[in-house]
Amino acid sequence: MKRHNLRNPPVGAWLTGMILLAGSMPTAASDVSSVPEDWQFGAEVYFWGASIGGTSASGGDIDISINDLLDNLDMAIMGAFGARKGKWTLAADVIYLDVSASNDGQLTLPVGPGVNITDEADIKLKSWIVTPSVRYNLIENEKGSLNVLGGARYLWLDAEIKVETSGPLGNRQAKASDSGSVWDAVVGVNGEIELADKWYLPYYLDVGTGQSDLTWQAFAGVGYRFKKVDALL
């Protein structure tokens, strides 16, 4: 039975691993080349083990490892959903991350014995990555499937840092925050390559531009079909 996965990995992340359970939108089992004319729906829930890296506006390096993300993760939503009718599919991939961390320390000033300043820093980072797309099926047979797609990618980041100090001179507090978003248009391909009975290789590739100079995604994996869900790695 043929199934169509909506896999669409996140932008701006270096990936180290992923576990995925995917609902499917099957075609007719008696004829893999046939295309269903009724609306069919599918959804995925997945987890990316990712790090975040880049360069800030001031030129500083940003490097947040997967261990830091997991230790300080407040909330995460990662999933995809779609609807197919005939050769057309409407799909969207949604990722939300809410990460926060605190760091306490103590600084001894060289002005006399017992003069210490205690500092506490709180950092918060929130992010949305949403990729809606329209896909058209070009190939559908016993060897696999190929779809062409067009869509957009929306990236929103919000960062906040708060520093509090306390010492002989009293308490002080400083706070700074900033946020920004970009829209990009993307085009690409996705599909599956059939292996053995229930095994297959899903793939996805897109590239685009807009408010970013360049955005691209690439994904490949291995999948196994159960009766109602697929498991992918």
Protein backbone atom coordinates (compact mmCIF):
# COMPACT_ATOMS: atom_id res chain seq x y z
CA MET A 1 0.00 0.00 0.00
CA LYS A 2 1.44 3.35 -1.02
CA ARG A 3 1.82 6.11 1.59
CA HIS A 4 2.80 9.73 1.22
CA ASN A 5 4.80 11.33 3.98
CA LEU A 6 4.89 15.07 4.51
CA ARG A 7 8.45 15.21 5.80
CA ASN A 8 9.93 18.68 5.70
CA PRO A 9 12.95 19.25 7.98
CA PRO A 10 13.73 22.49 9.80
CA VAL A 11 15.77 25.35 8.41
CA GLY A 12 18.86 26.75 10.11
CA ALA A 13 19.68 23.67 12.20
CA TRP A 14 22.49 21.14 12.07
CA LEU A 15 20.76 17.84 12.61
CA THR A 16 22.06 14.94 14.66
CA GLY A 17 19.12 12.55 14.71
CA MET A 18 15.35 12.22 14.33
CA ILE A 19 12.51 9.94 15.39
CA LEU A 20 9.24 10.20 13.48
CA LEU A 21 5.79 8.65 13.58
CA ALA A 22 3.80 9.53 10.49
CA GLY A 23 0.15 9.12 9.64
CA SER A 24 -0.29 8.23 5.99
CA MET A 25 -2.40 9.04 2.96
CA PRO A 26 -2.56 5.72 1.06
CA THR A 27 -3.40 5.22 -2.59
CA ALA A 28 -5.32 2.24 -3.91
CA ALA A 29 -3.60 -0.99 -2.93
CA SER A 30 -4.71 -2.84 -6.06
CA ASP A 31 -3.05 -0.39 -8.45
CA VAL A 32 -0.09 1.66 -7.26
CA SER A 33 -0.27 3.85 -10.38
CA SER A 34 -3.84 4.94 -9.59
CA VAL A 35 -4.42 8.29 -7.94
CA PRO A 36 -7.18 8.75 -5.31
CA GLU A 37 -9.82 11.33 -6.20
CA ASP A 38 -11.28 11.73 -2.70
CA TRP A 39 -9.66 13.96 -0.10
CA GLN A 40 -7.14 12.09 2.06
CA PHE A 41 -5.45 13.45 5.15
CA GLY A 42 -2.20 12.70 6.94
CA ALA A 43 -0.16 14.03 9.86
CA GLU A 44 3.24 13.55 11.45
CA VAL A 45 4.70 14.03 14.90
CA TYR A 46 8.49 14.01 15.00
CA PHE A 47 11.56 15.02 16.98
CA TRP A 48 14.75 16.56 15.66
CA GLY A 49 17.88 16.31 17.75
CA ALA A 50 19.39 19.60 16.62
CA SER A 51 21.93 22.24 17.49
CA ILE A 52 21.60 25.92 16.62
CA GLY A 53 24.48 27.82 15.08
CA GLY A 54 25.09 31.08 13.29
CA THR A 55 26.43 34.60 13.52
CA SER A 56 24.79 37.48 15.36
CA ALA A 57 24.28 40.95 13.92
CA SER A 58 27.33 42.15 15.86
CA GLY A 59 29.50 39.42 14.34
CA GLY A 60 29.61 37.06 17.32
CA ASP A 61 29.33 33.29 16.95
CA ILE A 62 26.22 31.47 18.21
CA ASP A 63 26.59 27.81 19.20
CA ILE A 64 23.89 25.98 21.19
CA SER A 65 24.40 22.22 21.41
CA ILE A 66 21.67 19.57 21.52
CA ASN A 67 22.49 18.88 25.19
CA ASP A 68 21.95 22.55 26.05
CA LEU A 69 18.65 22.58 24.18
CA LEU A 70 17.32 19.47 25.93
CA ASP A 71 18.46 20.64 29.37
CA ASN A 72 16.77 24.03 28.98
CA LEU A 73 13.78 23.18 26.79
CA ASP A 74 10.51 24.66 28.07
CA MET A 75 8.27 23.65 25.18
CA ALA A 76 8.56 22.24 21.66
CA ILE A 77 6.07 21.50 18.89
CA MET A 78 7.26 19.60 15.81
CA GLY A 79 4.80 18.23 13.29
CA ALA A 80 3.41 18.28 9.78
CA PHE A 81 -0.02 17.82 8.26
CA GLY A 82 -1.48 17.72 4.78
CA ALA A 83 -4.43 16.94 2.54
CA ARG A 84 -4.32 15.24 -0.87
CA LYS A 85 -6.83 15.06 -3.69
CA GLY A 86 -5.85 13.53 -7.00
CA LYS A 87 -2.34 14.60 -7.90
CA TRP A 88 -2.40 17.70 -5.66
CA THR A 89 -1.29 17.92 -2.03
CA LEU A 90 -1.52 20.83 0.40
CA ALA A 91 1.00 20.47 3.24
CA ALA A 92 2.50 22.47 6.09
CA ASP A 93 5.39 21.81 8.46
CA VAL A 94 5.42 23.59 11.84
CA ILE A 95 8.22 23.86 14.41
CA TYR A 96 8.07 25.85 17.66
CA LEU A 97 10.87 26.04 20.23
CA ASP A 98 10.89 27.75 23.62
CA VAL A 99 14.24 27.56 25.39
CA SER A 100 15.39 29.35 28.53
CA ALA A 101 18.45 29.15 30.76
CA SER A 102 19.76 30.77 33.94
CA ASN A 103 23.32 31.20 35.16
CA ASP A 104 24.32 32.29 38.67
CA GLY A 105 27.78 33.41 39.68
CA GLN A 106 29.84 35.47 42.07
CA LEU A 107 32.55 38.04 41.36
CA THR A 108 35.11 39.19 43.92
CA LEU A 109 36.29 42.78 43.42
CA PRO A 110 39.93 43.68 44.23
CA VAL A 111 38.98 46.59 46.50
CA GLY A 112 39.07 44.91 49.87
CA PRO A 113 38.21 41.70 51.70
CA GLY A 114 34.66 40.47 51.55
CA VAL A 115 33.55 42.71 48.64
CA ASN A 116 31.57 40.38 46.40
CA ILE A 117 29.00 40.92 43.69
CA THR A 118 26.48 38.22 42.89
CA ASP A 119 25.15 38.08 39.33
CA GLU A 120 22.32 36.17 37.72
CA ALA A 121 21.64 36.01 33.97
CA ASP A 122 18.41 34.74 32.40
CA ILE A 123 18.27 33.99 28.68
CA LYS A 124 15.15 33.14 26.67
CA LEU A 125 14.88 32.10 23.02
CA LYS A 126 11.67 31.44 21.10
CA SER A 127 11.36 30.43 17.47
CA TRP A 128 8.72 29.54 14.86
CA ILE A 129 9.58 27.86 11.55
CA VAL A 130 6.55 27.32 9.28
CA THR A 131 6.78 25.91 5.73
CA PRO A 132 3.51 25.68 3.76
CA SER A 133 3.68 24.11 0.30
CA VAL A 134 1.62 22.94 -2.68
CA ARG A 135 2.80 19.70 -4.30
CA TYR A 136 1.99 18.03 -7.62
CA ASN A 137 2.61 14.34 -8.30
CA LEU A 138 4.63 13.58 -11.44
CA ILE A 139 5.51 9.90 -10.89
CA GLU A 140 3.59 7.21 -8.99
CA ASN A 141 4.46 3.55 -9.60
CA GLU A 142 5.85 0.41 -7.94
CA LYS A 143 9.36 1.90 -7.89
CA GLY A 144 8.42 5.04 -5.99
CA SER A 145 7.01 8.53 -6.32
CA LEU A 146 8.16 12.02 -7.28
CA ASN A 147 6.42 15.31 -6.48
CA VAL A 148 7.37 18.87 -7.42
CA LEU A 149 6.52 21.55 -4.88
CA GLY A 150 6.34 25.28 -4.39
CA GLY A 151 5.73 27.21 -1.21
CA ALA A 152 7.19 29.54 1.39
CA ARG A 153 9.19 29.43 4.59
CA TYR A 154 8.59 31.72 7.57
CA LEU A 155 11.24 32.05 10.29
CA TRP A 156 10.68 34.07 13.48
CA LEU A 157 13.16 34.43 16.34
CA ASP A 158 12.77 36.25 19.65
CA ALA A 159 15.67 36.55 22.09
CA GLU A 160 15.75 38.12 25.55
CA ILE A 161 18.49 38.47 28.17
CA LYS A 162 18.15 39.80 31.70
CA VAL A 163 21.07 40.38 34.11
CA GLU A 164 20.70 41.14 37.80
CA THR A 165 23.56 42.02 40.17
CA SER A 166 23.59 42.52 43.91
CA GLY A 167 26.35 43.70 46.21
CA PRO A 168 27.46 46.40 48.63
CA LEU A 169 26.37 49.15 46.23
CA GLY A 170 22.84 47.81 45.91
CA ASN A 171 20.93 45.87 43.30
CA ARG A 172 21.07 46.54 39.58
CA GLN A 173 19.08 45.09 36.69
CA ALA A 174 19.58 45.28 32.92
CA LYS A 175 17.33 43.79 30.24
CA ALA A 176 17.55 43.60 26.45
CA SER A 177 15.41 41.87 23.83
CA ASP A 178 15.04 41.71 20.09
CA SER A 179 13.00 39.80 17.53
CA GLY A 180 12.81 39.46 13.78
CA SER A 181 11.25 37.44 10.99
CA VAL A 182 11.87 36.58 7.34
CA TRP A 183 9.76 35.18 4.49
CA ASP A 184 11.29 33.18 1.64
CA ALA A 185 9.82 31.47 -1.43
CA VAL A 186 10.93 27.87 -2.00
CA VAL A 187 10.73 25.27 -4.78
CA GLY A 188 11.75 21.65 -4.61
CA VAL A 189 10.98 17.94 -4.92
CA ASN A 190 9.99 15.15 -2.56
CA GLY A 191 8.91 11.52 -2.75
CA GLU A 192 9.81 7.94 -1.93
CA ILE A 193 11.97 5.14 -3.36
CA GLU A 194 10.53 1.67 -2.77
CA LEU A 195 12.78 -1.04 -1.31
CA ALA A 196 11.43 -4.33 0.07
CA ASP A 197 7.85 -5.14 1.07
CA LYS A 198 7.31 -2.47 3.76
CA TRP A 199 10.60 -0.59 3.51
CA TYR A 200 11.20 2.61 1.57
CA LEU A 201 13.48 5.66 1.36
CA PRO A 202 11.78 9.06 1.74
CA TYR A 203 13.55 12.16 0.39
CA TYR A 204 13.01 15.91 0.32
CA LEU A 205 14.90 18.87 -1.17
CA ASP A 206 14.00 22.54 -1.50
CA VAL A 207 15.85 25.77 -2.21
CA GLY A 208 14.70 29.37 -2.17
CA THR A 209 15.32 33.01 -1.49
CA GLY A 210 13.51 36.18 -0.50
CA GLN A 211 14.30 38.17 2.59
CA SER A 212 17.13 35.68 3.13
CA ASP A 213 19.98 35.49 0.64
CA LEU A 214 19.55 31.72 0.44
CA THR A 215 17.52 29.06 2.23
CA TRP A 216 17.63 25.33 1.57
CA GLN A 217 16.69 22.02 3.12
CA ALA A 218 17.64 18.43 2.36
CA PHE A 219 16.36 15.24 3.96
CA ALA A 220 16.73 11.50 3.35
CA GLY A 221 15.86 8.58 5.59
CA VAL A 222 14.56 5.05 5.84
CA GLY A 223 10.92 4.18 6.61
CA TYR A 224 8.91 1.14 7.64
CA ARG A 225 5.14 0.84 7.15
CA PHE A 226 2.87 -0.51 9.87
CA LYS A 227 -0.89 -0.81 9.43
CA LYS A 228 -1.83 2.72 10.45
CA VAL A 229 1.45 4.59 10.92
CA ASP A 230 4.96 4.76 9.50
CA ALA A 231 8.18 4.90 11.50
CA LEU A 232 11.08 6.85 10.00
CA LEU A 233 14.68 7.48 10.94
